Amino acid sequence: MTLPDANSSDTVRNLLEAVASGAVSPEQAAQQLQSETQTPKTQRYESVGSFAKIDHDRTKRTGFPEVIWGQDKSAAQIVAIMRAMEQQCAVIMATRVEAKKSEAIQEMLPQATYFELARICAIVQKNAQPMHPGRLSILTAGTADLPVAEEAAVTAELCGFNVTRLWDVGVAGIHRLLSNQHVIDQSDVLIVAAGMEGALPSVVAGLASCPVIAVPTNVGYGASFQGLAPLLTMLNSCAAGIGVVNIDNGFGAAILAGQILRVAARI
């Protein structure tokens, strides 16, 4: 006889209904409840159909809710996951969602908002106001880096961080960066997105007194190798205080910056 899923958010109700219907004996229910109370909270999840398991305790464990990777999921799958998360999360995000897929999502979930440049589809249960101390500034070398940078900016803002944007300040016109030194000076963490040869994070790190998170982007001519050239440049930087995330990973850069700011606030 199959007992209700111990990781379901409706475990107790399911067990009571099963006992009332005679499908489960009181002894079996007691054993199941005992097993449930002994399960660490960090192992609780909720199944969505046969294709997803939502980690409801991720916020308690890491400080950030689970985020949906939207690129390789159907609109129907994203909607099902979002609906399951609505009762648990103040902000629900799906990243890498193209415009056409977002339209299908919004037909089923009118409350969803689409951030077109960032390619993020989100449900915000309340106004996303800054709730964490510290200032995160995001810089791009060029306009072509904006989708990745906006992914980082929108992610950080939805997670409750103050964000300053500074676009198109690459090394080809270094005076554009130097005239904005005050942005660097006022920041607690910097995210710097660059393609081509990826030199901007090294320059910024030489001017900054805070951590710099470098994001290589898939921007450039053939020898940039779809972002590999800037990735290697950033990994080989001689400037201290740089951390590097994967190519085009604006989301990952925002979460790393958020973790730095959250931990710094404890001090």
C-alpha atoms as a PDB file:
ATOM      1  CA  MET A   1       0.000   0.000   0.000  1.00  0.00           C
ATOM      2  CA  THR A   2       1.444   3.392  -1.022  1.00  0.00           C
ATOM      3  CA  LEU A   3       1.480   6.124   1.584  1.00  0.00           C
ATOM      4  CA  PRO A   4       1.212   9.838   0.686  1.00  0.00           C
ATOM      5  CA  ASP A   5       4.480  11.518  -0.312  1.00  0.00           C
ATOM      6  CA  ALA A   6       6.351  12.460   2.866  1.00  0.00           C
ATOM      7  CA  ASN A   7       7.768  15.525   1.142  1.00  0.00           C
ATOM      8  CA  SER A   8       4.387  16.925   0.088  1.00  0.00           C
ATOM      9  CA  SER A   9       3.236  20.184   1.690  1.00  0.00           C
ATOM     10  CA  ASP A  10      -0.149  18.479   2.311  1.00  0.00           C
ATOM     11  CA  THR A  11       1.290  15.414   4.067  1.00  0.00           C
ATOM     12  CA  VAL A  12      -0.787  15.663   7.256  1.00  0.00           C
ATOM     13  CA  ARG A  13      -4.047  16.321   5.401  1.00  0.00           C
ATOM     14  CA  ASN A  14      -3.372  13.447   3.000  1.00  0.00           C
ATOM     15  CA  LEU A  15      -2.643  11.086   5.875  1.00  0.00           C
ATOM     16  CA  LEU A  16      -5.797  12.055   7.760  1.00  0.00           C
ATOM     17  CA  GLU A  17      -7.912  11.556   4.660  1.00  0.00           C
ATOM     18  CA  ALA A  18      -6.255   8.195   4.018  1.00  0.00           C
ATOM     19  CA  VAL A  19      -6.946   7.065   7.604  1.00  0.00           C
ATOM     20  CA  ALA A  20     -10.567   8.272   7.378  1.00  0.00           C
ATOM     21  CA  SER A  21     -11.121   6.339   4.159  1.00  0.00           C
ATOM     22  CA  GLY A  22      -9.519   3.203   5.584  1.00  0.00           C
ATOM     23  CA  ALA A  23      -6.737   3.189   2.997  1.00  0.00           C
ATOM     24  CA  VAL A  24      -4.100   3.633   5.714  1.00  0.00           C
ATOM     25  CA  SER A  25      -4.170   2.262   9.240  1.00  0.00           C
ATOM     26  CA  PRO A  26      -3.562   4.539  12.235  1.00  0.00           C
ATOM     27  CA  GLU A  27      -0.324   2.649  12.905  1.00  0.00           C
ATOM     28  CA  GLN A  28       0.949   3.288   9.359  1.00  0.00           C
ATOM     29  CA  ALA A  29       0.007   6.960   9.621  1.00  0.00           C
ATOM     30  CA  ALA A  30       1.869   7.284  12.923  1.00  0.00           C
ATOM     31  CA  GLN A  31       4.986   5.756  11.399  1.00  0.00           C
ATOM     32  CA  GLN A  32       4.738   8.079   8.414  1.00  0.00           C
ATOM     33  CA  LEU A  33       4.375  11.179  10.617  1.00  0.00           C
ATOM     34  CA  GLN A  34       7.321  10.085  12.741  1.00  0.00           C
ATOM     35  CA  SER A  35       9.410   9.689   9.597  1.00  0.00           C
ATOM     36  CA  GLU A  36       8.306  13.109   8.412  1.00  0.00           C
ATOM     37  CA  THR A  37       9.289  14.868  11.639  1.00  0.00           C
ATOM     38  CA  GLN A  38      12.711  13.222  11.504  1.00  0.00           C
ATOM     39  CA  THR A  39      13.331  14.379   7.920  1.00  0.00           C
ATOM     40  CA  PRO A  40      15.588  17.454   7.854  1.00  0.00           C
ATOM     41  CA  LYS A  41      13.754  20.528   6.629  1.00  0.00           C
ATOM     42  CA  THR A  42      16.373  21.022   3.949  1.00  0.00           C
ATOM     43  CA  GLN A  43      15.209  17.784   2.299  1.00  0.00           C
ATOM     44  CA  ARG A  44      11.569  18.793   1.825  1.00  0.00           C
ATOM     45  CA  TYR A  45      10.284  19.261  -1.679  1.00  0.00           C
ATOM     46  CA  GLU A  46       7.059  19.139  -3.660  1.00  0.00           C
ATOM     47  CA  SER A  47       6.571  17.155  -6.814  1.00  0.00           C
ATOM     48  CA  VAL A  48       4.994  18.886  -9.800  1.00  0.00           C
ATOM     49  CA  GLY A  49       3.667  16.292 -12.192  1.00  0.00           C
ATOM     50  CA  SER A  50       6.380  13.883 -13.229  1.00  0.00           C
ATOM     51  CA  PHE A  51       8.822  16.546 -14.434  1.00  0.00           C
ATOM     52  CA  ALA A  52       9.829  18.762 -11.477  1.00  0.00           C
ATOM     53  CA  LYS A  53      10.466  18.812  -7.738  1.00  0.00           C
ATOM     54  CA  ILE A  54      10.284  22.201  -6.030  1.00  0.00           C
ATOM     55  CA  ASP A  55      12.766  22.885  -3.241  1.00  0.00           C
ATOM     56  CA  HIS A  56      10.550  24.969  -0.937  1.00  0.00           C
ATOM     57  CA  ASP A  57      13.181  25.273   1.794  1.00  0.00           C
ATOM     58  CA  ARG A  58      15.888  26.714  -0.449  1.00  0.00           C
ATOM     59  CA  THR A  59      15.240  30.249   0.828  1.00  0.00           C
ATOM     60  CA  LYS A  60      15.767  29.142   4.437  1.00  0.00           C
ATOM     61  CA  ARG A  61      18.877  27.223   3.479  1.00  0.00           C
ATOM     62  CA  THR A  62      20.568  29.633   1.069  1.00  0.00           C
ATOM     63  CA  GLY A  63      18.795  32.968   1.379  1.00  0.00           C
ATOM     64  CA  PHE A  64      17.374  32.808  -2.158  1.00  0.00           C
ATOM     65  CA  PRO A  65      14.336  30.974  -3.546  1.00  0.00           C
ATOM     66  CA  GLU A  66      14.501  28.369  -6.250  1.00  0.00           C
ATOM     67  CA  VAL A  67      14.516  29.923  -9.726  1.00  0.00           C
ATOM     68  CA  ILE A  68      13.130  28.233 -12.841  1.00  0.00           C
ATOM     69  CA  TRP A  69      15.399  27.648 -15.828  1.00  0.00           C
ATOM     70  CA  GLY A  70      12.945  28.536 -18.578  1.00  0.00           C
ATOM     71  CA  GLN A  71      14.917  27.999 -21.761  1.00  0.00           C
ATOM     72  CA  ASP A  72      14.411  24.256 -22.038  1.00  0.00           C
ATOM     73  CA  LYS A  73      10.967  24.009 -20.430  1.00  0.00           C
ATOM     74  CA  SER A  74       7.624  24.395 -22.129  1.00  0.00           C
ATOM     75  CA  ALA A  75       5.272  27.242 -21.212  1.00  0.00           C
ATOM     76  CA  ALA A  76       2.902  24.721 -19.615  1.00  0.00           C
ATOM     77  CA  GLN A  77       5.677  23.272 -17.454  1.00  0.00           C
ATOM     78  CA  ILE A  78       6.769  26.736 -16.303  1.00  0.00           C
ATOM     79  CA  VAL A  79       3.187  27.672 -15.444  1.00  0.00           C
ATOM     80  CA  ALA A  80       2.665  24.477 -13.436  1.00  0.00           C
ATOM     81  CA  ILE A  81       5.828  25.122 -11.434  1.00  0.00           C
ATOM     82  CA  MET A  82       4.941  28.773 -10.851  1.00  0.00           C
ATOM     83  CA  ARG A  83       1.475  27.856  -9.601  1.00  0.00           C
ATOM     84  CA  ALA A  84       2.962  25.372  -7.158  1.00  0.00           C
ATOM     85  CA  MET A  85       5.394  28.017  -5.882  1.00  0.00           C
ATOM     86  CA  GLU A  86       2.876  30.848  -5.438  1.00  0.00           C
ATOM     87  CA  GLN A  87       1.890  29.892  -1.901  1.00  0.00           C
ATOM     88  CA  GLN A  88       5.508  29.659  -0.760  1.00  0.00           C
ATOM     89  CA  CYS A  89       7.472  32.403  -2.516  1.00  0.00           C
ATOM     90  CA  ALA A  90       7.081  36.179  -2.566  1.00  0.00           C
ATOM     91  CA  VAL A  91       8.927  36.311  -5.886  1.00  0.00           C
ATOM     92  CA  ILE A  92       8.918  33.583  -8.543  1.00  0.00           C
ATOM     93  CA  MET A  93      11.348  33.866 -11.443  1.00  0.00           C
ATOM     94  CA  ALA A  94      11.863  31.976 -14.660  1.00  0.00           C
ATOM     95  CA  THR A  95      15.045  32.903 -16.521  1.00  0.00           C
ATOM     96  CA  ARG A  96      15.911  32.681 -20.229  1.00  0.00           C
ATOM     97  CA  VAL A  97      12.306  32.948 -21.365  1.00  0.00           C
ATOM     98  CA  GLU A  98      11.889  34.219 -24.911  1.00  0.00           C
ATOM     99  CA  ALA A  99       9.111  36.677 -25.763  1.00  0.00           C
ATOM    100  CA  LYS A 100       6.868  34.192 -27.575  1.00  0.00           C
ATOM    101  CA  LYS A 101       7.005  31.749 -24.661  1.00  0.00           C
ATOM    102  CA  SER A 102       6.289  34.571 -22.210  1.00  0.00           C
ATOM    103  CA  GLU A 103       3.106  35.410 -24.105  1.00  0.00           C
ATOM    104  CA  ALA A 104       1.889  31.846 -23.645  1.00  0.00           C
ATOM    105  CA  ILE A 105       2.771  31.985 -19.951  1.00  0.00           C
ATOM    106  CA  GLN A 106       0.930  35.275 -19.449  1.00  0.00           C
ATOM    107  CA  GLU A 107      -2.183  33.898 -21.141  1.00  0.00           C
ATOM    108  CA  MET A 108      -2.339  31.281 -18.384  1.00  0.00           C
ATOM    109  CA  LEU A 109      -0.925  33.521 -15.622  1.00  0.00           C
ATOM    110  CA  PRO A 110      -1.989  37.141 -16.251  1.00  0.00           C
ATOM    111  CA  GLN A 111      -0.268  38.201 -13.028  1.00  0.00           C
ATOM    112  CA  ALA A 112       3.130  37.355 -14.515  1.00  0.00           C
ATOM    113  CA  THR A 113       5.430  40.188 -15.598  1.00  0.00           C
ATOM    114  CA  TYR A 114       7.889  39.877 -18.449  1.00  0.00           C
ATOM    115  CA  PHE A 115      11.227  41.710 -18.454  1.00  0.00           C
ATOM    116  CA  GLU A 116      11.981  41.508 -22.156  1.00  0.00           C
ATOM    117  CA  LEU A 117      15.640  42.548 -22.273  1.00  0.00           C
ATOM    118  CA  ALA A 118      16.508  40.370 -19.265  1.00  0.00           C
ATOM    119  CA  ARG A 119      14.384  37.493 -20.624  1.00  0.00           C
ATOM    120  CA  ILE A 120      12.913  36.949 -17.166  1.00  0.00           C
ATOM    121  CA  CYS A 121       9.268  36.091 -16.512  1.00  0.00           C
ATOM    122  CA  ALA A 122       8.295  36.699 -12.893  1.00  0.00           C
ATOM    123  CA  ILE A 123       5.403  36.750 -10.467  1.00  0.00           C
ATOM    124  CA  VAL A 124       5.895  39.317  -7.722  1.00  0.00           C
ATOM    125  CA  GLN A 125       3.460  38.893  -4.842  1.00  0.00           C
ATOM    126  CA  LYS A 126       4.270  42.353  -3.500  1.00  0.00           C
ATOM    127  CA  ASN A 127       6.209  45.375  -4.652  1.00  0.00           C
ATOM    128  CA  ALA A 128       9.853  44.396  -4.952  1.00  0.00           C
ATOM    129  CA  GLN A 129      11.460  47.050  -2.778  1.00  0.00           C
ATOM    130  CA  PRO A 130      15.130  47.023  -1.718  1.00  0.00           C
ATOM    131  CA  MET A 131      15.298  45.175   1.589  1.00  0.00           C
ATOM    132  CA  HIS A 132      18.996  44.355   1.835  1.00  0.00           C
ATOM    133  CA  PRO A 133      21.741  46.865   2.706  1.00  0.00           C
ATOM    134  CA  GLY A 134      24.602  47.608   0.371  1.00  0.00           C
ATOM    135  CA  ARG A 135      24.875  48.798  -3.214  1.00  0.00           C
ATOM    136  CA  LEU A 136      25.401  46.597  -6.215  1.00  0.00           C
ATOM    137  CA  SER A 137      26.560  48.283  -9.413  1.00  0.00           C
ATOM    138  CA  ILE A 138      26.489  46.573 -12.789  1.00  0.00           C
ATOM    139  CA  LEU A 139      28.701  47.746 -15.648  1.00  0.00           C
ATOM    140  CA  THR A 140      28.850  46.721 -19.290  1.00  0.00           C
ATOM    141  CA  ALA A 141      31.613  47.167 -21.805  1.00  0.00           C
ATOM    142  CA  GLY A 142      29.118  47.709 -24.621  1.00  0.00           C
ATOM    143  CA  THR A 143      25.454  47.845 -25.540  1.00  0.00           C
ATOM    144  CA  ALA A 144      25.579  44.281 -26.867  1.00  0.00           C
ATOM    145  CA  ASP A 145      26.235  43.060 -23.301  1.00  0.00           C
ATOM    146  CA  LEU A 146      22.913  44.454 -22.052  1.00  0.00           C
ATOM    147  CA  PRO A 147      20.821  41.233 -22.099  1.00  0.00           C
ATOM    148  CA  VAL A 148      23.269  39.521 -19.747  1.00  0.00           C
ATOM    149  CA  ALA A 149      23.656  42.612 -17.578  1.00  0.00           C
ATOM    150  CA  GLU A 150      19.901  43.133 -17.361  1.00  0.00           C
ATOM    151  CA  GLU A 151      19.456  39.507 -16.347  1.00  0.00           C
ATOM    152  CA  ALA A 152      21.763  40.266 -13.433  1.00  0.00           C
ATOM    153  CA  ALA A 153      20.094  43.596 -12.637  1.00  0.00           C
ATOM    154  CA  VAL A 154      16.510  42.314 -12.676  1.00  0.00           C
ATOM    155  CA  THR A 155      17.452  39.216 -10.679  1.00  0.00           C
ATOM    156  CA  ALA A 156      19.121  41.343  -8.010  1.00  0.00           C
ATOM    157  CA  GLU A 157      16.257  43.829  -7.840  1.00  0.00           C
ATOM    158  CA  LEU A 158      13.620  41.103  -7.544  1.00  0.00           C
ATOM    159  CA  CYS A 159      15.690  39.608  -4.721  1.00  0.00           C
ATOM    160  CA  GLY A 160      15.603  42.923  -2.866  1.00  0.00           C
ATOM    161  CA  PHE A 161      18.942  44.594  -3.620  1.00  0.00           C
ATOM    162  CA  ASN A 162      19.773  48.159  -4.616  1.00  0.00           C
ATOM    163  CA  VAL A 163      21.137  48.208  -8.166  1.00  0.00           C
ATOM    164  CA  THR A 164      22.950  50.926 -10.087  1.00  0.00           C
ATOM    165  CA  ARG A 165      23.340  50.490 -13.852  1.00  0.00           C
ATOM    166  CA  LEU A 166      26.276  51.866 -15.842  1.00  0.00           C
ATOM    167  CA  TRP A 167      26.212  50.835 -19.491  1.00  0.00           C
ATOM    168  CA  ASP A 168      28.667  51.145 -22.388  1.00  0.00           C
ATOM    169  CA  VAL A 169      31.861  52.096 -20.530  1.00  0.00           C
ATOM    170  CA  GLY A 170      34.293  49.692 -22.219  1.00  0.00           C
ATOM    171  CA  VAL A 171      38.019  50.124 -22.670  1.00  0.00           C
ATOM    172  CA  ALA A 172      37.700  51.332 -26.280  1.00  0.00           C
ATOM    173  CA  GLY A 173      36.711  54.681 -24.748  1.00  0.00           C
ATOM    174  CA  ILE A 174      38.216  54.472 -21.284  1.00  0.00           C
ATOM    175  CA  HIS A 175      37.288  58.103 -20.495  1.00  0.00           C
ATOM    176  CA  ARG A 176      33.630  56.970 -20.269  1.00  0.00           C
ATOM    177  CA  LEU A 177      34.577  54.730 -17.349  1.00  0.00           C
ATOM    178  CA  LEU A 178      36.916  57.179 -15.647  1.00  0.00           C
ATOM    179  CA  SER A 179      34.280  59.908 -15.674  1.00  0.00           C
ATOM    180  CA  ASN A 180      32.096  57.570 -13.604  1.00  0.00           C
ATOM    181  CA  GLN A 181      34.659  56.745 -10.923  1.00  0.00           C
ATOM    182  CA  HIS A 182      32.112  57.842  -8.309  1.00  0.00           C
ATOM    183  CA  VAL A 183      29.907  54.845  -9.204  1.00  0.00           C
ATOM    184  CA  ILE A 184      32.800  52.491  -8.539  1.00  0.00           C
ATOM    185  CA  ASP A 185      33.675  54.279  -5.287  1.00  0.00           C
ATOM    186  CA  GLN A 186      30.110  54.095  -3.956  1.00  0.00           C
ATOM    187  CA  SER A 187      29.642  50.388  -4.698  1.00  0.00           C
ATOM    188  CA  ASP A 188      29.909  47.461  -2.298  1.00  0.00           C
ATOM    189  CA  VAL A 189      29.996  44.845  -5.060  1.00  0.00           C
ATOM    190  CA  LEU A 190      30.520  45.306  -8.805  1.00  0.00           C
ATOM    191  CA  ILE A 191      29.362  43.071 -11.636  1.00  0.00           C
ATOM    192  CA  VAL A 192      31.179  43.749 -14.900  1.00  0.00           C
ATOM    193  CA  ALA A 193      29.946  42.190 -18.156  1.00  0.00           C
ATOM    194  CA  ALA A 194      32.168  42.257 -21.228  1.00  0.00           C
ATOM    195  CA  GLY A 195      32.660  40.439 -24.501  1.00  0.00           C
ATOM    196  CA  MET A 196      35.336  40.854 -27.190  1.00  0.00           C
ATOM    197  CA  GLU A 197      38.658  40.506 -25.334  1.00  0.00           C
ATOM    198  CA  GLY A 198      36.986  40.982 -21.923  1.00  0.00           C
ATOM    199  CA  ALA A 199      39.424  43.557 -20.523  1.00  0.00           C
ATOM    200  CA  LEU A 200      36.964  45.748 -18.612  1.00  0.00           C
ATOM    201  CA  PRO A 201      36.769  43.740 -15.337  1.00  0.00           C
ATOM    202  CA  SER A 202      40.559  43.943 -14.923  1.00  0.00           C
ATOM    203  CA  VAL A 203      40.504  47.711 -15.363  1.00  0.00           C
ATOM    204  CA  VAL A 204      37.587  48.120 -12.963  1.00  0.00           C
ATOM    205  CA  ALA A 205      39.236  45.886 -10.349  1.00  0.00           C
ATOM    206  CA  GLY A 206      42.307  48.120 -10.487  1.00  0.00           C
ATOM    207  CA  LEU A 207      40.109  51.087  -9.545  1.00  0.00           C
ATOM    208  CA  ALA A 208      37.774  49.444  -7.007  1.00  0.00           C
ATOM    209  CA  SER A 209      38.029  48.702  -3.292  1.00  0.00           C
ATOM    210  CA  CYS A 210      35.219  46.117  -3.382  1.00  0.00           C
ATOM    211  CA  PRO A 211      34.757  42.641  -4.929  1.00  0.00           C
ATOM    212  CA  VAL A 212      34.375  42.469  -8.698  1.00  0.00           C
ATOM    213  CA  ILE A 213      32.357  39.711 -10.364  1.00  0.00           C
ATOM    214  CA  ALA A 214      33.314  39.324 -14.014  1.00  0.00           C
ATOM    215  CA  VAL A 215      30.816  38.025 -16.568  1.00  0.00           C
ATOM    216  CA  PRO A 216      32.146  37.068 -20.012  1.00  0.00           C
ATOM    217  CA  THR A 217      29.572  37.487 -22.753  1.00  0.00           C
ATOM    218  CA  ASN A 218      29.110  35.811 -26.092  1.00  0.00           C
ATOM    219  CA  VAL A 219      29.881  39.019 -27.989  1.00  0.00           C
ATOM    220  CA  GLY A 220      32.655  39.491 -30.540  1.00  0.00           C
ATOM    221  CA  TYR A 221      34.187  38.389 -33.790  1.00  0.00           C
ATOM    222  CA  GLY A 222      35.180  34.814 -34.620  1.00  0.00           C
ATOM    223  CA  ALA A 223      38.295  34.626 -32.454  1.00  0.00           C
ATOM    224  CA  SER A 224      36.251  35.447 -29.359  1.00  0.00           C
ATOM    225  CA  PHE A 225      35.022  31.835 -29.668  1.00  0.00           C
ATOM    226  CA  GLN A 226      31.488  32.515 -28.390  1.00  0.00           C
ATOM    227  CA  GLY A 227      32.734  34.087 -25.170  1.00  0.00           C
ATOM    228  CA  LEU A 228      35.669  31.771 -24.490  1.00  0.00           C
ATOM    229  CA  ALA A 229      38.272  34.487 -25.196  1.00  0.00           C
ATOM    230  CA  PRO A 230      36.860  36.958 -22.630  1.00  0.00           C
ATOM    231  CA  LEU A 231      36.390  34.102 -20.159  1.00  0.00           C
ATOM    232  CA  LEU A 232      40.101  33.228 -20.377  1.00  0.00           C
ATOM    233  CA  THR A 233      41.085  36.897 -20.147  1.00  0.00           C
ATOM    234  CA  MET A 234      39.090  37.294 -16.951  1.00  0.00           C
ATOM    235  CA  LEU A 235      40.427  34.087 -15.441  1.00  0.00           C
ATOM    236  CA  ASN A 236      43.968  35.238 -16.196  1.00  0.00           C
ATOM    237  CA  SER A 237      43.540  38.774 -14.889  1.00  0.00           C
ATOM    238  CA  CYS A 238      46.454  40.165 -12.900  1.00  0.00           C
ATOM    239  CA  ALA A 239      44.092  42.424 -10.937  1.00  0.00           C
ATOM    240  CA  ALA A 240      43.236  41.088  -7.482  1.00  0.00           C
ATOM    241  CA  GLY A 241      39.706  40.703  -6.132  1.00  0.00           C
ATOM    242  CA  ILE A 242      38.010  39.315  -9.259  1.00  0.00           C
ATOM    243  CA  GLY A 243      35.719  36.318  -9.320  1.00  0.00           C
ATOM    244  CA  VAL A 244      34.520  34.956 -12.655  1.00  0.00           C
ATOM    245  CA  VAL A 245      31.225  33.251 -13.526  1.00  0.00           C
ATOM    246  CA  ASN A 246      30.385  31.311 -16.657  1.00  0.00           C
ATOM    247  CA  ILE A 247      29.732  32.807 -20.088  1.00  0.00           C
ATOM    248  CA  ASP A 248      26.506  34.874 -20.183  1.00  0.00           C
ATOM    249  CA  ASN A 249      25.649  33.907 -16.597  1.00  0.00           C
ATOM    250  CA  GLY A 250      24.124  37.168 -15.415  1.00  0.00           C
ATOM    251  CA  PHE A 251      21.810  35.310 -13.070  1.00  0.00           C
ATOM    252  CA  GLY A 252      24.673  33.523 -11.325  1.00  0.00           C
ATOM    253  CA  ALA A 253      26.593  36.788 -10.976  1.00  0.00           C
ATOM    254  CA  ALA A 254      23.603  38.447  -9.296  1.00  0.00           C
ATOM    255  CA  ILE A 255      23.150  35.622  -6.795  1.00  0.00           C
ATOM    256  CA  LEU A 256      26.861  35.629  -5.944  1.00  0.00           C
ATOM    257  CA  ALA A 257      26.785  39.404  -5.448  1.00  0.00           C
ATOM    258  CA  GLY A 258      23.702  39.022  -3.264  1.00  0.00           C
ATOM    259  CA  GLN A 259      25.398  36.417  -1.105  1.00  0.00           C
ATOM    260  CA  ILE A 260      28.385  38.741  -0.613  1.00  0.00           C
ATOM    261  CA  LEU A 261      26.116  41.587   0.456  1.00  0.00           C
ATOM    262  CA  ARG A 262      24.031  39.390   2.765  1.00  0.00           C
ATOM    263  CA  VAL A 263      27.088  37.966   4.522  1.00  0.00           C
ATOM    264  CA  ALA A 264      28.673  41.424   4.822  1.00  0.00           C
ATOM    265  CA  ALA A 265      25.502  42.670   6.539  1.00  0.00           C
ATOM    266  CA  ARG A 266      26.016  40.145   9.348  1.00  0.00           C
ATOM    267  CA  ILE A 267      29.288  41.795  10.411  1.00  0.00           C
END
